[in-house]
Amino acid sequence: MRAKPSKAKRASIFAKGQELMIKEFLRDETGLELSEYAVAAALIALAVVGVFTTLGTNISGVISNLASQIK
């Protein structure tokens, strides 16, 4: 029967396994395209919301100005 490794040895093996897994995850580029599209879509959505908010405020001001001039 094989002896169990000590806690320190198991922690070291686990840390090396984690390090290898993280390195491989960072090297792997499959699926990167989908995340790039998601980020681009989020940025476009934020820009659209910002533009419409600004336009809405400006249009409201113009309509209020016209309404006050008509009175």
N, C-alpha and C. Protein backbone atom coordinates (compact mmCIF):
# COMPACT_ATOMS: atom_id res chain seq x y z
N MET A 1 0.84 -1.18 0.00
CA MET A 1 0.00 0.00 0.00
C MET A 1 0.88 1.25 0.00
N ARG A 2 0.48 2.22 -0.82
CA ARG A 2 1.25 3.45 -0.93
C ARG A 2 0.91 4.41 0.20
N ALA A 3 1.92 5.11 0.67
CA ALA A 3 1.71 6.07 1.76
C ALA A 3 1.04 7.32 1.22
N LYS A 4 0.17 7.90 2.02
CA LYS A 4 -0.50 9.15 1.64
C LYS A 4 0.49 10.30 1.69
N PRO A 5 0.44 11.19 0.70
CA PRO A 5 1.32 12.36 0.77
C PRO A 5 0.88 13.28 1.91
N SER A 6 1.79 14.04 2.44
CA SER A 6 1.47 14.96 3.53
C SER A 6 0.56 16.08 3.02
N LYS A 7 -0.03 16.83 3.95
CA LYS A 7 -0.91 17.94 3.57
C LYS A 7 -0.16 18.96 2.73
N ALA A 8 1.07 19.27 3.09
CA ALA A 8 1.87 20.24 2.35
C ALA A 8 2.11 19.75 0.93
N LYS A 9 2.41 18.46 0.79
CA LYS A 9 2.68 17.88 -0.53
C LYS A 9 1.40 17.92 -1.37
N ARG A 10 0.24 17.57 -0.77
CA ARG A 10 -1.03 17.61 -1.51
C ARG A 10 -1.36 19.02 -1.93
N ALA A 11 -1.11 19.99 -1.05
CA ALA A 11 -1.38 21.40 -1.38
C ALA A 11 -0.49 21.85 -2.53
N SER A 12 0.75 21.39 -2.53
CA SER A 12 1.69 21.75 -3.60
C SER A 12 1.23 21.15 -4.93
N ILE A 13 0.81 19.90 -4.90
CA ILE A 13 0.32 19.24 -6.12
C ILE A 13 -0.93 19.95 -6.62
N PHE A 14 -1.83 20.28 -5.71
CA PHE A 14 -3.07 20.98 -6.07
C PHE A 14 -2.76 22.35 -6.68
N ALA A 15 -1.81 23.08 -6.08
CA ALA A 15 -1.44 24.41 -6.59
C ALA A 15 -0.84 24.30 -7.99
N LYS A 16 0.00 23.29 -8.21
CA LYS A 16 0.58 23.11 -9.54
C LYS A 16 -0.50 22.78 -10.56
N GLY A 17 -1.46 21.97 -10.16
CA GLY A 17 -2.57 21.62 -11.05
C GLY A 17 -3.40 22.85 -11.39
N GLN A 18 -3.65 23.68 -10.39
CA GLN A 18 -4.40 24.91 -10.63
C GLN A 18 -3.62 25.84 -11.55
N GLU A 19 -2.34 25.97 -11.30
CA GLU A 19 -1.51 26.85 -12.12
C GLU A 19 -1.52 26.39 -13.58
N LEU A 20 -1.40 25.08 -13.80
CA LEU A 20 -1.43 24.53 -15.16
C LEU A 20 -2.78 24.79 -15.81
N MET A 21 -3.86 24.59 -15.05
CA MET A 21 -5.20 24.80 -15.58
C MET A 21 -5.40 26.27 -15.97
N ILE A 22 -4.94 27.19 -15.15
CA ILE A 22 -5.09 28.62 -15.44
C ILE A 22 -4.28 29.00 -16.66
N LYS A 23 -3.05 28.49 -16.76
CA LYS A 23 -2.21 28.79 -17.92
C LYS A 23 -2.85 28.28 -19.21
N GLU A 24 -3.41 27.06 -19.17
CA GLU A 24 -4.06 26.52 -20.36
C GLU A 24 -5.32 27.31 -20.69
N PHE A 25 -6.05 27.75 -19.68
CA PHE A 25 -7.25 28.56 -19.90
C PHE A 25 -6.88 29.87 -20.59
N LEU A 26 -5.80 30.51 -20.16
CA LEU A 26 -5.39 31.78 -20.75
C LEU A 26 -4.87 31.60 -22.17
N ARG A 27 -4.28 30.44 -22.46
CA ARG A 27 -3.77 30.17 -23.80
C ARG A 27 -4.87 29.80 -24.78
N ASP A 28 -5.94 29.19 -24.27
CA ASP A 28 -7.03 28.70 -25.12
C ASP A 28 -7.82 29.87 -25.68
N GLU A 29 -7.95 29.92 -27.00
CA GLU A 29 -8.66 31.03 -27.62
C GLU A 29 -9.99 30.61 -28.23
N THR A 30 -10.42 29.38 -28.04
CA THR A 30 -11.73 28.98 -28.55
C THR A 30 -12.79 29.64 -27.69
N GLY A 31 -13.79 30.17 -28.31
CA GLY A 31 -14.84 30.85 -27.57
C GLY A 31 -14.52 32.30 -27.29
N LEU A 32 -13.33 32.73 -27.63
CA LEU A 32 -12.95 34.12 -27.41
C LEU A 32 -13.80 35.03 -28.28
N GLU A 33 -14.16 34.56 -29.46
CA GLU A 33 -14.95 35.37 -30.37
C GLU A 33 -16.30 35.73 -29.76
N LEU A 34 -16.94 34.77 -29.12
CA LEU A 34 -18.26 35.01 -28.52
C LEU A 34 -18.18 36.08 -27.43
N SER A 35 -17.16 36.01 -26.60
CA SER A 35 -17.03 37.01 -25.54
C SER A 35 -16.72 38.39 -26.12
N GLU A 36 -15.97 38.42 -27.21
CA GLU A 36 -15.70 39.71 -27.86
C GLU A 36 -16.97 40.32 -28.42
N TYR A 37 -17.83 39.48 -29.03
CA TYR A 37 -19.11 39.97 -29.53
C TYR A 37 -19.99 40.47 -28.39
N ALA A 38 -19.97 39.78 -27.27
CA ALA A 38 -20.78 40.20 -26.12
C ALA A 38 -20.31 41.55 -25.60
N VAL A 39 -19.02 41.75 -25.51
CA VAL A 39 -18.48 43.03 -25.04
C VAL A 39 -18.82 44.14 -26.03
N ALA A 40 -18.68 43.85 -27.32
CA ALA A 40 -19.01 44.85 -28.34
C ALA A 40 -20.49 45.21 -28.28
N ALA A 41 -21.35 44.22 -28.13
CA ALA A 41 -22.79 44.48 -28.05
C ALA A 41 -23.13 45.32 -26.81
N ALA A 42 -22.48 45.04 -25.71
CA ALA A 42 -22.72 45.81 -24.48
C ALA A 42 -22.27 47.25 -24.66
N LEU A 43 -21.13 47.46 -25.29
CA LEU A 43 -20.65 48.83 -25.52
C LEU A 43 -21.57 49.59 -26.47
N ILE A 44 -22.05 48.92 -27.50
CA ILE A 44 -22.99 49.56 -28.44
C ILE A 44 -24.28 49.91 -27.72
N ALA A 45 -24.77 49.00 -26.88
CA ALA A 45 -26.01 49.27 -26.14
C ALA A 45 -25.84 50.47 -25.21
N LEU A 46 -24.71 50.55 -24.54
CA LEU A 46 -24.45 51.70 -23.67
C LEU A 46 -24.39 53.00 -24.47
N ALA A 47 -23.76 52.96 -25.63
CA ALA A 47 -23.68 54.15 -26.47
C ALA A 47 -25.06 54.57 -26.95
N VAL A 48 -25.89 53.62 -27.35
CA VAL A 48 -27.24 53.92 -27.82
C VAL A 48 -28.07 54.54 -26.70
N VAL A 49 -27.98 53.98 -25.50
CA VAL A 49 -28.72 54.53 -24.36
C VAL A 49 -28.25 55.95 -24.08
N GLY A 50 -26.96 56.18 -24.11
CA GLY A 50 -26.43 57.53 -23.87
C GLY A 50 -26.90 58.53 -24.91
N VAL A 51 -26.86 58.11 -26.18
CA VAL A 51 -27.28 59.01 -27.26
C VAL A 51 -28.77 59.33 -27.15
N PHE A 52 -29.59 58.30 -26.93
CA PHE A 52 -31.03 58.53 -26.83
C PHE A 52 -31.38 59.38 -25.61
N THR A 53 -30.67 59.21 -24.52
CA THR A 53 -30.92 60.03 -23.34
C THR A 53 -30.60 61.49 -23.63
N THR A 54 -29.47 61.73 -24.26
CA THR A 54 -29.09 63.10 -24.62
C THR A 54 -30.06 63.70 -25.62
N LEU A 55 -30.41 62.93 -26.65
CA LEU A 55 -31.35 63.42 -27.65
C LEU A 55 -32.72 63.71 -27.02
N GLY A 56 -33.16 62.83 -26.14
CA GLY A 56 -34.45 63.02 -25.48
C GLY A 56 -34.47 64.31 -24.68
N THR A 57 -33.41 64.59 -23.97
CA THR A 57 -33.32 65.82 -23.19
C THR A 57 -33.31 67.04 -24.10
N ASN A 58 -32.53 66.98 -25.18
CA ASN A 58 -32.45 68.10 -26.12
C ASN A 58 -33.78 68.33 -26.83
N ILE A 59 -34.43 67.27 -27.26
CA ILE A 59 -35.71 67.39 -27.95
C ILE A 59 -36.77 67.94 -27.01
N SER A 60 -36.74 67.50 -25.76
CA SER A 60 -37.69 68.01 -24.77
C SER A 60 -37.50 69.52 -24.58
N GLY A 61 -36.27 69.96 -24.54
CA GLY A 61 -35.98 71.39 -24.41
C GLY A 61 -36.48 72.18 -25.60
N VAL A 62 -36.29 71.65 -26.80
CA VAL A 62 -36.74 72.34 -28.01
C VAL A 62 -38.27 72.43 -28.03
N ILE A 63 -38.94 71.35 -27.67
CA ILE A 63 -40.41 71.35 -27.66
C ILE A 63 -40.93 72.33 -26.61
N SER A 64 -40.31 72.35 -25.45
CA SER A 64 -40.72 73.30 -24.41
C SER A 64 -40.53 74.74 -24.88
N ASN A 65 -39.41 75.00 -25.54
CA ASN A 65 -39.12 76.33 -26.06
C ASN A 65 -40.17 76.73 -27.11
N LEU A 66 -40.49 75.84 -28.02
CA LEU A 66 -41.50 76.12 -29.03
C LEU A 66 -42.88 76.34 -28.41
N ALA A 67 -43.21 75.53 -27.41
CA ALA A 67 -44.51 75.68 -26.74
C ALA A 67 -44.61 77.02 -26.04
N SER A 68 -43.53 77.48 -25.43
CA SER A 68 -43.56 78.77 -24.74
C SER A 68 -43.67 79.92 -25.75
N GLN A 69 -43.10 79.76 -26.93
CA GLN A 69 -43.17 80.81 -27.94
C GLN A 69 -44.56 80.87 -28.59
N ILE A 70 -45.23 79.73 -28.66
CA ILE A 70 -46.57 79.70 -29.26
C ILE A 70 -47.59 80.37 -28.36
N LYS A 71 -47.47 80.27 -27.06
CA LYS A 71 -48.43 80.86 -26.12
C LYS A 71 -48.56 82.31 -26.29
